[in-house]
Amino acid sequence: MQREKGSAHEADKTKNADRPNKPDKQNPDKAEKPDKRKALIEAARARFREFGISKTSMQEIAEDAGMAVGTVYLYFKNKDDLILGCAERFAENHRVSAAKILASKMAADQKLRRYILDRYRAVEETRTGSKFAVEIARRVIKLRPERFEEDDQWLYENILTILREGEAAGLFRSSDFAADARIFVQSVLYFLPVAGLEPYRPPTEKRLIEVIDWFVEKWKGG
């Protein structure tokens, strides 16, 4: 009987070995699906930025990612779905970068400068890094117009967190940090334009630093 149980156990092992590996729910880093999805987004982003959306095919994206075109449709319904995936990737980079800055041991005024300059450089690279930036931005706005409002809200929440941290440390003073954060966001959004919606006078990092420093001095009681 022992031999029969052992043989059955070995048969099950052989049978299971032929099955495709399932994503590891306990360890997402080992999951195959997120890796393939990420690779497709990166390939699409590179193609869109170099050749534009209209001149990029799903076949070309698949080839760049080293996959069959059928695999692309397992993760994305169509090109528009891929565009939204690229937009979400940009938002995720914002969240990760912000989390690192907020978790750092820098003083609140330094965190504020680092965070806003980090956003400026990311937006500037996206806006000026491709001659198809306007086409991409317009498509994202058409597909998901609330996407940019969500980014602005996330910006506001992170700034408010930094201001309250500065208040707790005795560095910043204000009677209404929530209102201050809203005004500050409206001031810096001039420097974070969507491609194709730039102001008449191009934003520069130097002018942005002047705005940040003006607010910081006010919050310090200067």
C-alpha atoms as a PDB file:
ATOM      1  CA  MET A   1       0.000   0.000   0.000  1.00  0.00           C
ATOM      2  CA  GLN A   2       2.861   2.348   0.821  1.00  0.00           C
ATOM      3  CA  ARG A   3       4.340   1.807  -2.661  1.00  0.00           C
ATOM      4  CA  GLU A   4       0.972   2.612  -4.298  1.00  0.00           C
ATOM      5  CA  LYS A   5       0.637   5.877  -2.328  1.00  0.00           C
ATOM      6  CA  GLY A   6       4.157   6.849  -3.257  1.00  0.00           C
ATOM      7  CA  SER A   7       3.525   6.131  -6.924  1.00  0.00           C
ATOM      8  CA  ALA A   8       0.355   8.218  -6.863  1.00  0.00           C
ATOM      9  CA  HIS A   9       2.246  11.048  -5.198  1.00  0.00           C
ATOM     10  CA  GLU A  10       4.970  10.900  -7.856  1.00  0.00           C
ATOM     11  CA  ALA A  11       2.342  10.857 -10.604  1.00  0.00           C
ATOM     12  CA  ASP A  12       0.724  13.985  -9.173  1.00  0.00           C
ATOM     13  CA  LYS A  13       4.111  15.703  -9.083  1.00  0.00           C
ATOM     14  CA  THR A  14       4.743  14.819 -12.724  1.00  0.00           C
ATOM     15  CA  LYS A  15       1.266  15.976 -13.709  1.00  0.00           C
ATOM     16  CA  ASN A  16       1.669  19.283 -11.862  1.00  0.00           C
ATOM     17  CA  ALA A  17       5.071  19.873 -13.423  1.00  0.00           C
ATOM     18  CA  ASP A  18       3.409  20.147 -16.822  1.00  0.00           C
ATOM     19  CA  ARG A  19       1.070  22.877 -15.664  1.00  0.00           C
ATOM     20  CA  PRO A  20       2.046  26.527 -16.183  1.00  0.00           C
ATOM     21  CA  ASN A  21       3.238  28.336 -13.102  1.00  0.00           C
ATOM     22  CA  LYS A  22       0.525  30.343 -11.381  1.00  0.00           C
ATOM     23  CA  PRO A  23       1.245  33.837 -10.083  1.00  0.00           C
ATOM     24  CA  ASP A  24       2.571  33.749  -6.538  1.00  0.00           C
ATOM     25  CA  LYS A  25      -0.100  35.590  -4.524  1.00  0.00           C
ATOM     26  CA  GLN A  26       2.122  35.637  -1.467  1.00  0.00           C
ATOM     27  CA  ASN A  27       4.977  37.264  -3.355  1.00  0.00           C
ATOM     28  CA  PRO A  28       3.805  39.596  -6.168  1.00  0.00           C
ATOM     29  CA  ASP A  29       7.409  40.157  -7.264  1.00  0.00           C
ATOM     30  CA  LYS A  30       7.494  36.572  -8.502  1.00  0.00           C
ATOM     31  CA  ALA A  31       4.235  36.874 -10.407  1.00  0.00           C
ATOM     32  CA  GLU A  32       4.623  36.633 -14.153  1.00  0.00           C
ATOM     33  CA  LYS A  33       1.603  38.765 -15.066  1.00  0.00           C
ATOM     34  CA  PRO A  34       2.772  42.081 -13.550  1.00  0.00           C
ATOM     35  CA  ASP A  35       6.177  41.628 -15.192  1.00  0.00           C
ATOM     36  CA  LYS A  36       4.654  41.142 -18.638  1.00  0.00           C
ATOM     37  CA  ARG A  37       2.207  43.985 -18.133  1.00  0.00           C
ATOM     38  CA  LYS A  38       5.029  46.280 -17.066  1.00  0.00           C
ATOM     39  CA  ALA A  39       7.151  45.244 -20.058  1.00  0.00           C
ATOM     40  CA  LEU A  40       4.288  45.985 -22.446  1.00  0.00           C
ATOM     41  CA  ILE A  41       3.689  49.403 -20.875  1.00  0.00           C
ATOM     42  CA  GLU A  42       7.371  50.287 -21.135  1.00  0.00           C
ATOM     43  CA  ALA A  43       7.493  49.133 -24.769  1.00  0.00           C
ATOM     44  CA  ALA A  44       4.334  51.100 -25.606  1.00  0.00           C
ATOM     45  CA  ARG A  45       5.594  54.215 -23.835  1.00  0.00           C
ATOM     46  CA  ALA A  46       8.875  54.117 -25.781  1.00  0.00           C
ATOM     47  CA  ARG A  47       7.029  53.617 -29.084  1.00  0.00           C
ATOM     48  CA  PHE A  48       4.471  56.342 -28.453  1.00  0.00           C
ATOM     49  CA  ARG A  49       7.183  58.826 -27.522  1.00  0.00           C
ATOM     50  CA  GLU A  50       9.353  58.016 -30.526  1.00  0.00           C
ATOM     51  CA  PHE A  51       6.780  57.452 -33.284  1.00  0.00           C
ATOM     52  CA  GLY A  52       3.482  58.772 -31.924  1.00  0.00           C
ATOM     53  CA  ILE A  53       0.284  56.921 -31.104  1.00  0.00           C
ATOM     54  CA  SER A  54      -1.251  56.880 -34.574  1.00  0.00           C
ATOM     55  CA  LYS A  55       1.871  55.388 -36.173  1.00  0.00           C
ATOM     56  CA  THR A  56       2.348  52.679 -33.558  1.00  0.00           C
ATOM     57  CA  SER A  57       0.729  49.262 -33.938  1.00  0.00           C
ATOM     58  CA  MET A  58       0.026  46.611 -31.334  1.00  0.00           C
ATOM     59  CA  GLN A  59       2.219  44.266 -33.348  1.00  0.00           C
ATOM     60  CA  GLU A  60       5.203  46.602 -33.011  1.00  0.00           C
ATOM     61  CA  ILE A  61       4.651  46.979 -29.269  1.00  0.00           C
ATOM     62  CA  ALA A  62       4.517  43.199 -28.910  1.00  0.00           C
ATOM     63  CA  GLU A  63       7.736  42.761 -30.877  1.00  0.00           C
ATOM     64  CA  ASP A  64       9.534  45.396 -28.811  1.00  0.00           C
ATOM     65  CA  ALA A  65       8.418  43.632 -25.623  1.00  0.00           C
ATOM     66  CA  GLY A  66       9.515  40.242 -26.995  1.00  0.00           C
ATOM     67  CA  MET A  67       6.008  38.776 -26.994  1.00  0.00           C
ATOM     68  CA  ALA A  68       3.421  37.515 -29.454  1.00  0.00           C
ATOM     69  CA  VAL A  69       0.773  40.080 -30.365  1.00  0.00           C
ATOM     70  CA  GLY A  70      -1.891  37.788 -28.930  1.00  0.00           C
ATOM     71  CA  THR A  71      -0.240  38.132 -25.531  1.00  0.00           C
ATOM     72  CA  VAL A  72      -0.764  41.893 -25.601  1.00  0.00           C
ATOM     73  CA  TYR A  73      -4.533  41.393 -25.766  1.00  0.00           C
ATOM     74  CA  LEU A  74      -4.428  39.243 -22.641  1.00  0.00           C
ATOM     75  CA  TYR A  75      -3.467  42.370 -20.697  1.00  0.00           C
ATOM     76  CA  PHE A  76      -4.869  45.259 -22.750  1.00  0.00           C
ATOM     77  CA  LYS A  77      -8.097  45.387 -24.743  1.00  0.00           C
ATOM     78  CA  ASN A  78      -6.747  47.818 -27.320  1.00  0.00           C
ATOM     79  CA  LYS A  79      -4.317  50.679 -27.876  1.00  0.00           C
ATOM     80  CA  ASP A  80      -6.384  53.080 -25.795  1.00  0.00           C
ATOM     81  CA  ASP A  81      -6.171  50.689 -22.868  1.00  0.00           C
ATOM     82  CA  LEU A  82      -2.388  50.672 -23.269  1.00  0.00           C
ATOM     83  CA  ILE A  83      -2.301  54.472 -23.315  1.00  0.00           C
ATOM     84  CA  LEU A  84      -4.157  54.530 -20.015  1.00  0.00           C
ATOM     85  CA  GLY A  85      -1.708  51.964 -18.694  1.00  0.00           C
ATOM     86  CA  CYS A  86       1.151  54.318 -19.553  1.00  0.00           C
ATOM     87  CA  ALA A  87      -0.652  57.194 -17.811  1.00  0.00           C
ATOM     88  CA  GLU A  88      -1.161  55.078 -14.712  1.00  0.00           C
ATOM     89  CA  ARG A  89       2.517  54.166 -14.785  1.00  0.00           C
ATOM     90  CA  PHE A  90       3.387  57.874 -14.661  1.00  0.00           C
ATOM     91  CA  ALA A  91       1.023  58.301 -11.713  1.00  0.00           C
ATOM     92  CA  GLU A  92       2.562  55.321  -9.948  1.00  0.00           C
ATOM     93  CA  ASN A  93       6.031  56.819 -10.369  1.00  0.00           C
ATOM     94  CA  HIS A  94       4.657  59.991  -8.721  1.00  0.00           C
ATOM     95  CA  ARG A  95       3.319  57.981  -5.782  1.00  0.00           C
ATOM     96  CA  VAL A  96       6.549  56.044  -5.282  1.00  0.00           C
ATOM     97  CA  SER A  97       8.741  59.147  -5.536  1.00  0.00           C
ATOM     98  CA  ALA A  98       6.501  61.109  -3.165  1.00  0.00           C
ATOM     99  CA  ALA A  99       6.467  58.290  -0.620  1.00  0.00           C
ATOM    100  CA  LYS A 100      10.281  58.199  -0.539  1.00  0.00           C
ATOM    101  CA  ILE A 101      10.534  61.949  -0.046  1.00  0.00           C
ATOM    102  CA  LEU A 102       7.848  62.051   2.651  1.00  0.00           C
ATOM    103  CA  ALA A 103       9.499  59.162   4.495  1.00  0.00           C
ATOM    104  CA  SER A 104      12.932  60.809   4.429  1.00  0.00           C
ATOM    105  CA  LYS A 105      14.489  62.514   7.459  1.00  0.00           C
ATOM    106  CA  MET A 106      14.780  65.880   5.726  1.00  0.00           C
ATOM    107  CA  ALA A 107      13.300  68.945   7.383  1.00  0.00           C
ATOM    108  CA  ALA A 108       9.852  69.952   6.122  1.00  0.00           C
ATOM    109  CA  ASP A 109      11.115  72.938   4.115  1.00  0.00           C
ATOM    110  CA  GLN A 110      13.672  70.712   2.365  1.00  0.00           C
ATOM    111  CA  LYS A 111      11.037  68.061   1.698  1.00  0.00           C
ATOM    112  CA  LEU A 112       8.751  70.653   0.155  1.00  0.00           C
ATOM    113  CA  ARG A 113      11.460  71.910  -2.216  1.00  0.00           C
ATOM    114  CA  ARG A 114      12.553  68.377  -3.121  1.00  0.00           C
ATOM    115  CA  TYR A 115       9.004  67.201  -3.748  1.00  0.00           C
ATOM    116  CA  ILE A 116       7.936  70.124  -5.940  1.00  0.00           C
ATOM    117  CA  LEU A 117      11.184  70.142  -7.924  1.00  0.00           C
ATOM    118  CA  ASP A 118      10.866  66.382  -8.409  1.00  0.00           C
ATOM    119  CA  ARG A 119       7.375  66.886  -9.851  1.00  0.00           C
ATOM    120  CA  TYR A 120       8.568  69.754 -12.049  1.00  0.00           C
ATOM    121  CA  ARG A 121      11.405  67.692 -13.531  1.00  0.00           C
ATOM    122  CA  ALA A 122       9.162  64.674 -14.150  1.00  0.00           C
ATOM    123  CA  VAL A 123       6.495  66.800 -15.862  1.00  0.00           C
ATOM    124  CA  GLU A 124       9.079  68.762 -17.835  1.00  0.00           C
ATOM    125  CA  GLU A 125      10.727  65.574 -19.116  1.00  0.00           C
ATOM    126  CA  THR A 126       7.350  64.172 -20.166  1.00  0.00           C
ATOM    127  CA  ARG A 127       6.282  67.461 -21.768  1.00  0.00           C
ATOM    128  CA  THR A 128       9.494  68.171 -23.698  1.00  0.00           C
ATOM    129  CA  GLY A 129      11.017  64.700 -24.082  1.00  0.00           C
ATOM    130  CA  SER A 130       8.973  63.763 -27.145  1.00  0.00           C
ATOM    131  CA  LYS A 131       7.689  65.636 -30.175  1.00  0.00           C
ATOM    132  CA  PHE A 132       4.498  63.591 -29.753  1.00  0.00           C
ATOM    133  CA  ALA A 133       3.874  64.750 -26.176  1.00  0.00           C
ATOM    134  CA  VAL A 134       0.860  66.845 -27.202  1.00  0.00           C
ATOM    135  CA  GLU A 135      -0.742  63.941 -29.098  1.00  0.00           C
ATOM    136  CA  ILE A 136      -0.263  61.649 -26.088  1.00  0.00           C
ATOM    137  CA  ALA A 137      -1.593  64.198 -23.588  1.00  0.00           C
ATOM    138  CA  ARG A 138      -4.673  64.929 -25.696  1.00  0.00           C
ATOM    139  CA  ARG A 139      -5.487  61.239 -25.976  1.00  0.00           C
ATOM    140  CA  VAL A 140      -5.178  60.736 -22.215  1.00  0.00           C
ATOM    141  CA  ILE A 141      -7.425  63.764 -21.598  1.00  0.00           C
ATOM    142  CA  LYS A 142      -9.999  62.378 -24.042  1.00  0.00           C
ATOM    143  CA  LEU A 143      -9.933  58.889 -22.545  1.00  0.00           C
ATOM    144  CA  ARG A 144      -9.784  59.854 -18.894  1.00  0.00           C
ATOM    145  CA  PRO A 145     -10.191  63.605 -18.274  1.00  0.00           C
ATOM    146  CA  GLU A 146     -10.288  63.167 -14.498  1.00  0.00           C
ATOM    147  CA  ARG A 147      -6.753  61.760 -14.574  1.00  0.00           C
ATOM    148  CA  PHE A 148      -5.117  65.192 -14.213  1.00  0.00           C
ATOM    149  CA  GLU A 149      -7.508  66.259 -11.453  1.00  0.00           C
ATOM    150  CA  GLU A 150      -6.461  63.183  -9.505  1.00  0.00           C
ATOM    151  CA  ASP A 151      -2.837  64.196  -9.894  1.00  0.00           C
ATOM    152  CA  ASP A 152      -3.618  67.694  -8.591  1.00  0.00           C
ATOM    153  CA  GLN A 153      -5.434  66.226  -5.578  1.00  0.00           C
ATOM    154  CA  TRP A 154      -2.499  63.941  -4.834  1.00  0.00           C
ATOM    155  CA  LEU A 155      -0.187  66.957  -5.073  1.00  0.00           C
ATOM    156  CA  TYR A 156      -2.384  68.873  -2.610  1.00  0.00           C
ATOM    157  CA  GLU A 157      -2.510  65.997  -0.102  1.00  0.00           C
ATOM    158  CA  ASN A 158       1.256  65.527  -0.124  1.00  0.00           C
ATOM    159  CA  ILE A 159       1.899  69.251   0.305  1.00  0.00           C
ATOM    160  CA  LEU A 160      -0.555  69.426   3.198  1.00  0.00           C
ATOM    161  CA  THR A 161       1.183  66.460   4.840  1.00  0.00           C
ATOM    162  CA  ILE A 162       4.532  68.247   4.593  1.00  0.00           C
ATOM    163  CA  LEU A 163       3.109  71.510   5.956  1.00  0.00           C
ATOM    164  CA  ARG A 164       1.574  69.787   8.967  1.00  0.00           C
ATOM    165  CA  GLU A 165       4.823  67.968   9.577  1.00  0.00           C
ATOM    166  CA  GLY A 166       6.582  71.325   9.562  1.00  0.00           C
ATOM    167  CA  GLU A 167       4.003  72.664  12.017  1.00  0.00           C
ATOM    168  CA  ALA A 168       4.574  69.723  14.373  1.00  0.00           C
ATOM    169  CA  ALA A 169       8.319  70.367  14.244  1.00  0.00           C
ATOM    170  CA  GLY A 170       7.803  74.048  15.048  1.00  0.00           C
ATOM    171  CA  LEU A 171       9.166  75.079  11.665  1.00  0.00           C
ATOM    172  CA  PHE A 172       5.987  76.341   9.974  1.00  0.00           C
ATOM    173  CA  ARG A 173       3.186  78.508  11.317  1.00  0.00           C
ATOM    174  CA  SER A 174      -0.225  79.234   9.815  1.00  0.00           C
ATOM    175  CA  SER A 175      -3.821  79.668  10.899  1.00  0.00           C
ATOM    176  CA  ASP A 176      -5.085  77.434   8.069  1.00  0.00           C
ATOM    177  CA  PHE A 177      -2.648  75.045   6.404  1.00  0.00           C
ATOM    178  CA  ALA A 178      -5.408  73.432   4.314  1.00  0.00           C
ATOM    179  CA  ALA A 179      -6.193  76.765   2.658  1.00  0.00           C
ATOM    180  CA  ASP A 180      -2.480  77.519   2.302  1.00  0.00           C
ATOM    181  CA  ALA A 181      -1.907  74.177   0.572  1.00  0.00           C
ATOM    182  CA  ARG A 182      -4.684  74.902  -1.944  1.00  0.00           C
ATOM    183  CA  ILE A 183      -3.215  78.316  -2.767  1.00  0.00           C
ATOM    184  CA  PHE A 184       0.275  76.856  -3.015  1.00  0.00           C
ATOM    185  CA  VAL A 185      -0.932  74.163  -5.423  1.00  0.00           C
ATOM    186  CA  GLN A 186      -2.602  76.768  -7.635  1.00  0.00           C
ATOM    187  CA  SER A 187       0.665  78.723  -7.653  1.00  0.00           C
ATOM    188  CA  VAL A 188       2.927  75.823  -8.618  1.00  0.00           C
ATOM    189  CA  LEU A 189       0.549  74.301 -11.191  1.00  0.00           C
ATOM    190  CA  TYR A 190       1.681  77.059 -13.542  1.00  0.00           C
ATOM    191  CA  PHE A 191       5.031  75.246 -13.598  1.00  0.00           C
ATOM    192  CA  LEU A 192       3.474  71.800 -14.188  1.00  0.00           C
ATOM    193  CA  PRO A 193       1.534  72.250 -17.441  1.00  0.00           C
ATOM    194  CA  VAL A 194       0.095  69.470 -19.552  1.00  0.00           C
ATOM    195  CA  ALA A 195       1.726  69.245 -22.983  1.00  0.00           C
ATOM    196  CA  GLY A 196      -0.133  71.486 -25.408  1.00  0.00           C
ATOM    197  CA  LEU A 197      -1.588  73.616 -22.620  1.00  0.00           C
ATOM    198  CA  GLU A 198       1.561  75.533 -21.686  1.00  0.00           C
ATOM    199  CA  PRO A 199       1.293  79.179 -20.565  1.00  0.00           C
ATOM    200  CA  TYR A 200       2.529  81.958 -22.824  1.00  0.00           C
ATOM    201  CA  ARG A 201       5.697  82.343 -20.764  1.00  0.00           C
ATOM    202  CA  PRO A 202       7.443  78.957 -20.472  1.00  0.00           C
ATOM    203  CA  PRO A 203       7.888  77.781 -16.860  1.00  0.00           C
ATOM    204  CA  THR A 204      11.453  77.561 -15.566  1.00  0.00           C
ATOM    205  CA  GLU A 205      12.942  75.850 -12.550  1.00  0.00           C
ATOM    206  CA  LYS A 206      14.508  79.114 -11.370  1.00  0.00           C
ATOM    207  CA  ARG A 207      11.121  80.865 -11.168  1.00  0.00           C
ATOM    208  CA  LEU A 208       9.595  77.839  -9.484  1.00  0.00           C
ATOM    209  CA  ILE A 209      12.259  77.920  -6.757  1.00  0.00           C
ATOM    210  CA  GLU A 210      11.491  81.606  -6.182  1.00  0.00           C
ATOM    211  CA  VAL A 211       7.804  80.768  -5.629  1.00  0.00           C
ATOM    212  CA  ILE A 212       8.609  77.892  -3.260  1.00  0.00           C
ATOM    213  CA  ASP A 213      11.057  79.987  -1.239  1.00  0.00           C
ATOM    214  CA  TRP A 214       8.555  82.853  -0.942  1.00  0.00           C
ATOM    215  CA  PHE A 215       5.947  80.549   0.593  1.00  0.00           C
ATOM    216  CA  VAL A 216       8.485  78.824   2.856  1.00  0.00           C
ATOM    217  CA  GLU A 217       9.611  82.161   4.287  1.00  0.00           C
ATOM    218  CA  LYS A 218       5.989  83.129   4.957  1.00  0.00           C
ATOM    219  CA  TRP A 219       5.318  79.853   6.761  1.00  0.00           C
ATOM    220  CA  LYS A 220       8.472  80.317   8.809  1.00  0.00           C
ATOM    221  CA  GLY A 221       7.169  83.689   9.893  1.00  0.00           C
ATOM    222  CA  GLY A 222       9.572  85.721   7.735  1.00  0.00           C
END
